[in-house]
PDB file of N, CA and C in Angstrom:
ATOM      1  N   MET A   1      14.835  -0.801 -17.434  1.00  0.00           N
ATOM      2  CA  MET A   1      15.057   0.320 -16.914  1.00  0.00           C
ATOM      3  C   MET A   1      14.150   0.957 -16.369  1.00  0.00           C
ATOM      4  N   PRO A   2      13.586   1.759 -15.608  1.00  0.00           N
ATOM      5  CA  PRO A   2      12.838   2.600 -15.421  1.00  0.00           C
ATOM      6  C   PRO A   2      12.968   3.707 -16.096  1.00  0.00           C
ATOM      7  N   ARG A   3      11.799   4.703 -16.727  1.00  0.00           N
ATOM      8  CA  ARG A   3      11.729   5.860 -17.221  1.00  0.00           C
ATOM      9  C   ARG A   3      11.865   6.841 -16.465  1.00  0.00           C
ATOM     10  N   VAL A   4      12.875   7.741 -16.714  1.00  0.00           N
ATOM     11  CA  VAL A   4      13.106   8.801 -15.797  1.00  0.00           C
ATOM     12  C   VAL A   4      12.645  10.065 -16.717  1.00  0.00           C
ATOM     13  N   THR A   5      12.167  10.984 -15.821  1.00  0.00           N
ATOM     14  CA  THR A   5      11.451  12.125 -16.435  1.00  0.00           C
ATOM     15  C   THR A   5      12.399  13.411 -15.891  1.00  0.00           C
ATOM     16  N   PRO A   6      12.714  14.474 -16.508  1.00  0.00           N
ATOM     17  CA  PRO A   6      13.641  15.800 -16.050  1.00  0.00           C
ATOM     18  C   PRO A   6      13.011  16.027 -14.514  1.00  0.00           C
ATOM     19  N   ASP A   7      11.573  16.442 -14.506  1.00  0.00           N
ATOM     20  CA  ASP A   7      11.300  17.030 -13.148  1.00  0.00           C
ATOM     21  C   ASP A   7      10.765  16.170 -11.949  1.00  0.00           C
ATOM     22  N   GLU A   8      10.518  14.710 -12.505  1.00  0.00           N
ATOM     23  CA  GLU A   8      10.482  13.811 -11.689  1.00  0.00           C
ATOM     24  C   GLU A   8      11.161  12.775 -11.466  1.00  0.00           C
ATOM     25  N   SER A   9      12.779  12.894 -11.656  1.00  0.00           N
ATOM     26  CA  SER A   9      13.200  11.667 -11.802  1.00  0.00           C
ATOM     27  C   SER A   9      13.220  10.702 -10.316  1.00  0.00           C
ATOM     28  N   VAL A  10      13.875   9.599 -10.820  1.00  0.00           N
ATOM     29  CA  VAL A  10      13.840   8.472  -9.452  1.00  0.00           C
ATOM     30  C   VAL A  10      14.270   8.945  -8.524  1.00  0.00           C
ATOM     31  N   PRO A  11      15.467   9.815  -8.481  1.00  0.00           N
ATOM     32  CA  PRO A  11      15.985  10.202  -7.314  1.00  0.00           C
ATOM     33  C   PRO A  11      15.051  11.268  -6.351  1.00  0.00           C
ATOM     34  N   VAL A  12      14.470  12.045  -7.326  1.00  0.00           N
ATOM     35  CA  VAL A  12      13.735  13.083  -6.880  1.00  0.00           C
ATOM     36  C   VAL A  12      12.706  12.428  -5.931  1.00  0.00           C
ATOM     37  N   LEU A  13      12.089  11.303  -6.539  1.00  0.00           N
ATOM     38  CA  LEU A  13      10.800  10.520  -6.141  1.00  0.00           C
ATOM     39  C   LEU A  13      11.265   9.683  -4.985  1.00  0.00           C
ATOM     40  N   PHE A  14      12.459   9.313  -4.775  1.00  0.00           N
ATOM     41  CA  PHE A  14      12.801   8.477  -3.879  1.00  0.00           C
ATOM     42  C   PHE A  14      13.124   9.447  -2.535  1.00  0.00           C
ATOM     43  N   GLY A  15      13.572  10.502  -2.724  1.00  0.00           N
ATOM     44  CA  GLY A  15      13.801  11.560  -1.662  1.00  0.00           C
ATOM     45  C   GLY A  15      12.319  12.180  -0.954  1.00  0.00           C
ATOM     46  N   ARG A  16      11.330  12.396  -2.019  1.00  0.00           N
ATOM     47  CA  ARG A  16       9.972  12.730  -1.804  1.00  0.00           C
ATOM     48  C   ARG A  16       9.485  11.390  -0.842  1.00  0.00           C
ATOM     49  N   ALA A  17       9.635  10.430  -1.380  1.00  0.00           N
ATOM     50  CA  ALA A  17       8.613   9.156  -0.566  1.00  0.00           C
ATOM     51  C   ALA A  17       9.574   9.203   0.898  1.00  0.00           C
ATOM     52  N   ARG A  18      10.697   8.902   0.949  1.00  0.00           N
ATOM     53  CA  ARG A  18      11.423   8.788   2.351  1.00  0.00           C
ATOM     54  C   ARG A  18      11.014  10.075   3.193  1.00  0.00           C
ATOM     55  N   ILE A  19      10.524  11.330   2.724  1.00  0.00           N
ATOM     56  CA  ILE A  19      10.263  11.994   3.828  1.00  0.00           C
ATOM     57  C   ILE A  19       8.695  11.954   4.108  1.00  0.00           C
ATOM     58  N   ALA A  20       8.229  11.542   2.850  1.00  0.00           N
ATOM     59  CA  ALA A  20       6.554  11.206   2.729  1.00  0.00           C
ATOM     60  C   ALA A  20       6.534  10.041   4.100  1.00  0.00           C
ATOM     61  N   LEU A  21       7.550   9.320   4.298  1.00  0.00           N
ATOM     62  CA  LEU A  21       7.226   8.174   5.083  1.00  0.00           C
ATOM     63  C   LEU A  21       8.062   8.495   6.513  1.00  0.00           C
ATOM     64  N   SER A  22       8.646   9.679   6.542  1.00  0.00           N
ATOM     65  CA  SER A  22       9.371  10.034   7.857  1.00  0.00           C
ATOM     66  C   SER A  22      10.568   8.905   8.045  1.00  0.00           C
ATOM     67  N   LEU A  23      11.418   8.701   7.136  1.00  0.00           N
ATOM     68  CA  LEU A  23      12.162   7.886   7.047  1.00  0.00           C
ATOM     69  C   LEU A  23      13.841   8.647   6.839  1.00  0.00           C
ATOM     70  N   THR A  24      14.672   8.127   7.769  1.00  0.00           N
ATOM     71  CA  THR A  24      15.781   8.541   7.245  1.00  0.00           C
ATOM     72  C   THR A  24      16.480   7.742   5.851  1.00  0.00           C
ATOM     73  N   GLN A  25      17.836   7.623   5.427  1.00  0.00           N
ATOM     74  CA  GLN A  25      18.111   6.833   4.339  1.00  0.00           C
ATOM     75  C   GLN A  25      18.271   5.652   5.028  1.00  0.00           C
ATOM     76  N   GLU A  26      18.821   5.510   6.281  1.00  0.00           N
ATOM     77  CA  GLU A  26      18.890   4.222   6.710  1.00  0.00           C
ATOM     78  C   GLU A  26      17.668   3.505   6.990  1.00  0.00           C
ATOM     79  N   GLY A  27      16.573   4.006   7.365  1.00  0.00           N
ATOM     80  CA  GLY A  27      15.368   3.451   7.590  1.00  0.00           C
ATOM     81  C   GLY A  27      14.665   2.943   6.048  1.00  0.00           C
ATOM     82  N   LEU A  28      14.951   4.054   5.170  1.00  0.00           N
ATOM     83  CA  LEU A  28      14.823   3.649   3.879  1.00  0.00           C
ATOM     84  C   LEU A  28      15.135   2.464   3.245  1.00  0.00           C
ATOM     85  N   GLY A  29      16.212   2.435   3.573  1.00  0.00           N
ATOM     86  CA  GLY A  29      17.348   0.635   3.507  1.00  0.00           C
ATOM     87  C   GLY A  29      16.729  -0.190   4.167  1.00  0.00           C
ATOM     88  N   LYS A  30      16.390  -0.259   5.131  1.00  0.00           N
ATOM     89  CA  LYS A  30      15.530  -1.144   6.021  1.00  0.00           C
ATOM     90  C   LYS A  30      14.227  -1.605   5.347  1.00  0.00           C
ATOM     91  N   LEU A  31      13.721  -0.596   4.830  1.00  0.00           N
ATOM     92  CA  LEU A  31      12.369  -1.080   4.553  1.00  0.00           C
ATOM     93  C   LEU A  31      12.510  -1.506   2.940  1.00  0.00           C
ATOM     94  N   LEU A  32      13.714  -1.294   2.047  1.00  0.00           N
ATOM     95  CA  LEU A  32      13.573  -2.106   1.169  1.00  0.00           C
ATOM     96  C   LEU A  32      14.574  -3.000   0.953  1.00  0.00           C
ATOM     97  N   ARG A  33      15.331  -3.353   1.982  1.00  0.00           N
ATOM     98  CA  ARG A  33      16.143  -4.387   2.331  1.00  0.00           C
ATOM     99  C   ARG A  33      17.486  -4.066   1.519  1.00  0.00           C
ATOM    100  N   VAL A  34      18.052  -2.980   1.670  1.00  0.00           N
ATOM    101  CA  VAL A  34      19.431  -2.371   1.209  1.00  0.00           C
ATOM    102  C   VAL A  34      20.188  -1.832   2.214  1.00  0.00           C
ATOM    103  N   SER A  35      21.430  -1.586   1.910  1.00  0.00           N
ATOM    104  CA  SER A  35      21.954  -0.341   3.077  1.00  0.00           C
ATOM    105  C   SER A  35      21.800   0.768   2.846  1.00  0.00           C
ATOM    106  N   ARG A  36      22.077   1.531   4.133  1.00  0.00           N
ATOM    107  CA  ARG A  36      21.945   2.803   4.109  1.00  0.00           C
ATOM    108  C   ARG A  36      22.812   3.441   2.754  1.00  0.00           C
ATOM    109  N   LYS A  37      23.876   3.312   2.484  1.00  0.00           N
ATOM    110  CA  LYS A  37      24.935   3.626   1.247  1.00  0.00           C
ATOM    111  C   LYS A  37      23.838   3.585   0.205  1.00  0.00           C
ATOM    112  N   THR A  38      23.212   2.054  -0.203  1.00  0.00           N
ATOM    113  CA  THR A  38      22.399   2.310  -1.412  1.00  0.00           C
ATOM    114  C   THR A  38      21.527   2.904  -1.579  1.00  0.00           C
ATOM    115  N   ALA A  39      20.696   3.341  -0.339  1.00  0.00           N
ATOM    116  CA  ALA A  39      19.575   4.475  -0.305  1.00  0.00           C
ATOM    117  C   ALA A  39      20.190   5.585  -0.507  1.00  0.00           C
ATOM    118  N   GLY A  40      20.942   6.057  -0.084  1.00  0.00           N
ATOM    119  CA  GLY A  40      21.685   7.446  -0.262  1.00  0.00           C
ATOM    120  C   GLY A  40      21.879   7.490  -1.610  1.00  0.00           C
ATOM    121  N   ARG A  41      22.880   6.382  -2.501  1.00  0.00           N
ATOM    122  CA  ARG A  41      22.907   6.595  -3.853  1.00  0.00           C
ATOM    123  C   ARG A  41      21.900   6.644  -4.829  1.00  0.00           C
ATOM    124  N   TRP A  42      20.849   5.908  -4.198  1.00  0.00           N
ATOM    125  CA  TRP A  42      19.637   6.246  -5.077  1.00  0.00           C
ATOM    126  C   TRP A  42      19.127   7.791  -5.282  1.00  0.00           C
ATOM    127  N   GLU A  43      19.315   8.323  -4.147  1.00  0.00           N
ATOM    128  CA  GLU A  43      18.655   9.595  -3.653  1.00  0.00           C
ATOM    129  C   GLU A  43      19.471  10.948  -4.810  1.00  0.00           C
ATOM    130  N   THR A  44      21.133  10.539  -4.963  1.00  0.00           N
ATOM    131  CA  THR A  44      21.592  11.201  -5.566  1.00  0.00           C
ATOM    132  C   THR A  44      21.882  10.852  -7.153  1.00  0.00           C
ATOM    133  N   GLY A  45      21.096  10.067  -7.559  1.00  0.00           N
ATOM    134  CA  GLY A  45      21.086   9.211  -8.504  1.00  0.00           C
ATOM    135  C   GLY A  45      22.393   8.757  -9.229  1.00  0.00           C
ATOM    136  N   LYS A  46      23.255   8.196  -8.335  1.00  0.00           N
ATOM    137  CA  LYS A  46      24.298   7.412  -8.403  1.00  0.00           C
ATOM    138  C   LYS A  46      24.194   6.023  -8.851  1.00  0.00           C
ATOM    139  N   VAL A  47      22.843   5.338  -8.175  1.00  0.00           N
ATOM    140  CA  VAL A  47      22.651   4.014  -8.701  1.00  0.00           C
ATOM    141  C   VAL A  47      20.926   3.982  -8.881  1.00  0.00           C
ATOM    142  N   VAL A  48      20.417   3.284  -9.876  1.00  0.00           N
ATOM    143  CA  VAL A  48      19.186   3.363 -10.121  1.00  0.00           C
ATOM    144  C   VAL A  48      18.537   2.239  -9.532  1.00  0.00           C
ATOM    145  N   PRO A  49      17.215   2.261  -8.671  1.00  0.00           N
ATOM    146  CA  PRO A  49      17.066   1.221  -8.212  1.00  0.00           C
ATOM    147  C   PRO A  49      16.047   0.315  -9.169  1.00  0.00           C
ATOM    148  N   SER A  50      15.996  -0.988  -8.727  1.00  0.00           N
ATOM    149  CA  SER A  50      15.287  -1.971  -9.471  1.00  0.00           C
ATOM    150  C   SER A  50      14.050  -1.664 -10.015  1.00  0.00           C
ATOM    151  N   SER A  51      13.279  -1.870 -10.572  1.00  0.00           N
ATOM    152  CA  SER A  51      11.676  -1.783 -10.729  1.00  0.00           C
ATOM    153  C   SER A  51      10.916  -2.423  -9.463  1.00  0.00           C
ATOM    154  N   SER A  52      11.731  -3.693  -9.181  1.00  0.00           N
ATOM    155  CA  SER A  52      11.086  -4.198  -8.017  1.00  0.00           C
ATOM    156  C   SER A  52      11.022  -3.251  -6.769  1.00  0.00           C
ATOM    157  N   GLU A  53      12.224  -2.607  -6.482  1.00  0.00           N
ATOM    158  CA  GLU A  53      12.577  -1.816  -5.527  1.00  0.00           C
ATOM    159  C   GLU A  53      11.405  -0.508  -5.728  1.00  0.00           C
ATOM    160  N   ILE A  54      11.488  -0.012  -6.892  1.00  0.00           N
ATOM    161  CA  ILE A  54      10.353   0.880  -6.873  1.00  0.00           C
ATOM    162  C   ILE A  54       9.149   0.684  -6.681  1.00  0.00           C
ATOM    163  N   ARG A  55       8.733  -0.351  -7.223  1.00  0.00           N
ATOM    164  CA  ARG A  55       7.462  -0.885  -7.096  1.00  0.00           C
ATOM    165  C   ARG A  55       7.060  -0.966  -4.990  1.00  0.00           C
ATOM    166  N   ALA A  56       8.153  -1.388  -4.760  1.00  0.00           N
ATOM    167  CA  ALA A  56       7.735  -1.798  -3.185  1.00  0.00           C
ATOM    168  C   ALA A  56       7.561  -0.727  -2.371  1.00  0.00           C
ATOM    169  N   LEU A  57       8.445   0.320  -3.030  1.00  0.00           N
ATOM    170  CA  LEU A  57       8.560   1.581  -2.379  1.00  0.00           C
ATOM    171  C   LEU A  57       7.303   2.347  -2.730  1.00  0.00           C
ATOM    172  N   ALA A  58       6.571   2.427  -3.815  1.00  0.00           N
ATOM    173  CA  ALA A  58       5.258   2.943  -4.213  1.00  0.00           C
ATOM    174  C   ALA A  58       3.992   2.212  -3.407  1.00  0.00           C
ATOM    175  N   GLY A  59       4.133   0.984  -3.171  1.00  0.00           N
ATOM    176  CA  GLY A  59       3.388   0.204  -2.092  1.00  0.00           C
ATOM    177  C   GLY A  59       3.463   0.792  -0.745  1.00  0.00           C
ATOM    178  N   ALA A  60       4.492   1.122  -0.327  1.00  0.00           N
ATOM    179  CA  ALA A  60       4.671   1.695   1.166  1.00  0.00           C
ATOM    180  C   ALA A  60       4.428   2.744   1.115  1.00  0.00           C
ATOM    181  N   VAL A  61       4.462   3.787   0.120  1.00  0.00           N
ATOM    182  CA  VAL A  61       3.994   5.281   0.077  1.00  0.00           C
ATOM    183  C   VAL A  61       2.613   5.340  -0.179  1.00  0.00           C
ATOM    184  N   HIS A  62       1.829   4.342  -0.638  1.00  0.00           N
ATOM    185  CA  HIS A  62       0.334   4.578  -1.087  1.00  0.00           C
ATOM    186  C   HIS A  62      -0.314   4.973  -0.376  1.00  0.00           C
ATOM    187  N   PRO A  63      -0.539   4.236   1.182  1.00  0.00           N
ATOM    188  CA  PRO A  63      -1.186   4.857   2.189  1.00  0.00           C
ATOM    189  C   PRO A  63      -1.137   6.484   2.565  1.00  0.00           C
ATOM    190  N   HIS A  64       0.133   7.270   2.587  1.00  0.00           N
ATOM    191  CA  HIS A  64       0.642   8.196   2.679  1.00  0.00           C
ATOM    192  C   HIS A  64       0.392   8.957   1.981  1.00  0.00           C
ATOM    193  N   ASP A  65       0.376   9.017   0.583  1.00  0.00           N
ATOM    194  CA  ASP A  65       0.445   9.930  -0.461  1.00  0.00           C
ATOM    195  C   ASP A  65       0.167   8.992  -1.971  1.00  0.00           C
ATOM    196  N   ARG A  66      -1.307   9.127  -2.134  1.00  0.00           N
ATOM    197  CA  ARG A  66      -1.376   8.049  -3.591  1.00  0.00           C
ATOM    198  C   ARG A  66      -0.961   8.676  -4.425  1.00  0.00           C
ATOM    199  N   GLY A  67      -0.845  10.162  -4.858  1.00  0.00           N
ATOM    200  CA  GLY A  67      -0.323  10.650  -6.174  1.00  0.00           C
ATOM    201  C   GLY A  67       1.098  10.143  -6.213  1.00  0.00           C
ATOM    202  N   LEU A  68       2.076  10.695  -5.234  1.00  0.00           N
ATOM    203  CA  LEU A  68       3.505   9.936  -5.338  1.00  0.00           C
ATOM    204  C   LEU A  68       3.526   8.535  -5.448  1.00  0.00           C
ATOM    205  N   ALA A  69       2.832   7.577  -4.879  1.00  0.00           N
ATOM    206  CA  ALA A  69       2.764   6.215  -5.043  1.00  0.00           C
ATOM    207  C   ALA A  69       2.535   5.984  -6.633  1.00  0.00           C
ATOM    208  N   ALA A  70       1.593   6.660  -7.592  1.00  0.00           N
ATOM    209  CA  ALA A  70       1.240   6.675  -8.636  1.00  0.00           C
ATOM    210  C   ALA A  70       2.584   7.017  -9.632  1.00  0.00           C
ATOM    211  N   GLN A  71       3.136   8.183  -8.943  1.00  0.00           N
ATOM    212  CA  GLN A  71       4.612   8.598  -9.959  1.00  0.00           C
ATOM    213  C   GLN A  71       5.515   7.396  -9.701  1.00  0.00           C
ATOM    214  N   LEU A  72       5.687   7.059  -8.803  1.00  0.00           N
ATOM    215  CA  LEU A  72       6.689   5.661  -8.581  1.00  0.00           C
ATOM    216  C   LEU A  72       6.100   4.523  -9.022  1.00  0.00           C
ATOM    217  N   ALA A  73       4.927   3.978  -9.148  1.00  0.00           N
ATOM    218  CA  ALA A  73       4.722   3.139 -10.036  1.00  0.00           C
ATOM    219  C   ALA A  73       4.917   3.191 -11.402  1.00  0.00           C
ATOM    220  N   GLU A  74       4.492   4.577 -12.068  1.00  0.00           N
ATOM    221  CA  GLU A  74       4.655   4.657 -13.402  1.00  0.00           C
ATOM    222  C   GLU A  74       6.171   4.644 -13.549  1.00  0.00           C
ATOM    223  N   GLN A  75       7.154   4.920 -12.808  1.00  0.00           N
ATOM    224  CA  GLN A  75       8.929   4.887 -12.961  1.00  0.00           C
ATOM    225  C   GLN A  75       9.074   3.299 -13.306  1.00  0.00           C
ATOM    226  N   ALA A  76       8.011   2.593 -12.677  1.00  0.00           N
ATOM    227  CA  ALA A  76       8.155   1.135 -12.857  1.00  0.00           C
ATOM    228  C   ALA A  76       7.523   0.443 -13.787  1.00  0.00           C
ATOM    229  N   GLY A  77       6.879   0.891 -14.836  1.00  0.00           N
ATOM    230  CA  GLY A  77       6.451   0.756 -15.720  1.00  0.00           C
ATOM    231  C   GLY A  77       4.843   0.108 -15.446  1.00  0.00           C
ATOM    232  N   GLU A  78       4.124   0.695 -14.019  1.00  0.00           N
ATOM    233  CA  GLU A  78       2.993   0.003 -13.495  1.00  0.00           C
ATOM    234  C   GLU A  78       2.115   1.342 -13.388  1.00  0.00           C
ATOM    235  N   THR A  79       0.871   0.948 -12.947  1.00  0.00           N
ATOM    236  CA  THR A  79      -0.223   1.484 -12.381  1.00  0.00           C
ATOM    237  C   THR A  79      -0.378   1.183 -11.003  1.00  0.00           C
ATOM    238  N   LEU A  80      -1.266   1.849 -10.294  1.00  0.00           N
ATOM    239  CA  LEU A  80      -1.428   1.264  -8.596  1.00  0.00           C
ATOM    240  C   LEU A  80      -2.295   0.188  -8.897  1.00  0.00           C
ATOM    241  N   LEU A  81      -3.171   0.507  -9.724  1.00  0.00           N
ATOM    242  CA  LEU A  81      -4.177  -0.870  -9.939  1.00  0.00           C
ATOM    243  C   LEU A  81      -3.168  -2.222 -10.327  1.00  0.00           C
ATOM    244  N   SER A  82      -2.437  -1.857 -11.366  1.00  0.00           N
ATOM    245  CA  SER A  82      -1.629  -3.228 -11.739  1.00  0.00           C
ATOM    246  C   SER A  82      -0.733  -3.845 -10.384  1.00  0.00           C
ATOM    247  N   LEU A  83      -0.246  -2.973  -9.495  1.00  0.00           N
ATOM    248  CA  LEU A  83       0.496  -3.089  -8.441  1.00  0.00           C
ATOM    249  C   LEU A  83      -0.696  -3.807  -7.484  1.00  0.00           C
ATOM    250  N   LYS A  84      -1.712  -3.487  -7.396  1.00  0.00           N
ATOM    251  CA  LYS A  84      -2.947  -3.972  -6.456  1.00  0.00           C
ATOM    252  C   LYS A  84      -2.847  -5.396  -6.942  1.00  0.00           C
ATOM    253  N   ARG A  85      -3.327  -5.618  -8.161  1.00  0.00           N
ATOM    254  CA  ARG A  85      -3.325  -7.070  -8.769  1.00  0.00           C
ATOM    255  C   ARG A  85      -2.279  -7.582  -8.768  1.00  0.00           C
ATOM    256  N   GLY A  86      -1.052  -7.202  -8.697  1.00  0.00           N
ATOM    257  CA  GLY A  86      -0.010  -8.253  -8.692  1.00  0.00           C
ATOM    258  C   GLY A  86       0.033  -8.693  -7.191  1.00  0.00           C
ATOM    259  N   ARG A  87       0.102  -8.004  -6.372  1.00  0.00           N
ATOM    260  CA  ARG A  87       0.186  -8.455  -4.752  1.00  0.00           C
ATOM    261  C   ARG A  87      -1.134  -9.789  -4.649  1.00  0.00           C
ATOM    262  N   ARG A  88      -2.032  -9.677  -5.134  1.00  0.00           N
ATOM    263  CA  ARG A  88      -3.132 -10.717  -4.922  1.00  0.00           C
ATOM    264  C   ARG A  88      -2.566 -11.934  -5.871  1.00  0.00           C
ATOM    265  N   GLY A  89      -1.872 -11.736  -6.872  1.00  0.00           N
ATOM    266  CA  GLY A  89      -1.780 -12.988  -7.581  1.00  0.00           C
ATOM    267  C   GLY A  89      -0.707 -13.690  -6.768  1.00  0.00           C
TER     268      GLY A  89
END
């Protein structure tokens, strides 16, 4: 399970990422291959996304906001470098 910190919780990071990508909850759901309802539940903290979903969002956000991508990667127990290496393998 991802580590959650009080000031930058997964729901907060997902909301920031969605805004950084100019997506609706429906668009975020499509990006991560889940329903709009699930994307909404992530942002409200009712459901915790999997580490793979967090990593996928970090990858999508990286070109737009490197700092936010790094925070997301950290929540999945990764770094931006480890995410990049994982894509090559």
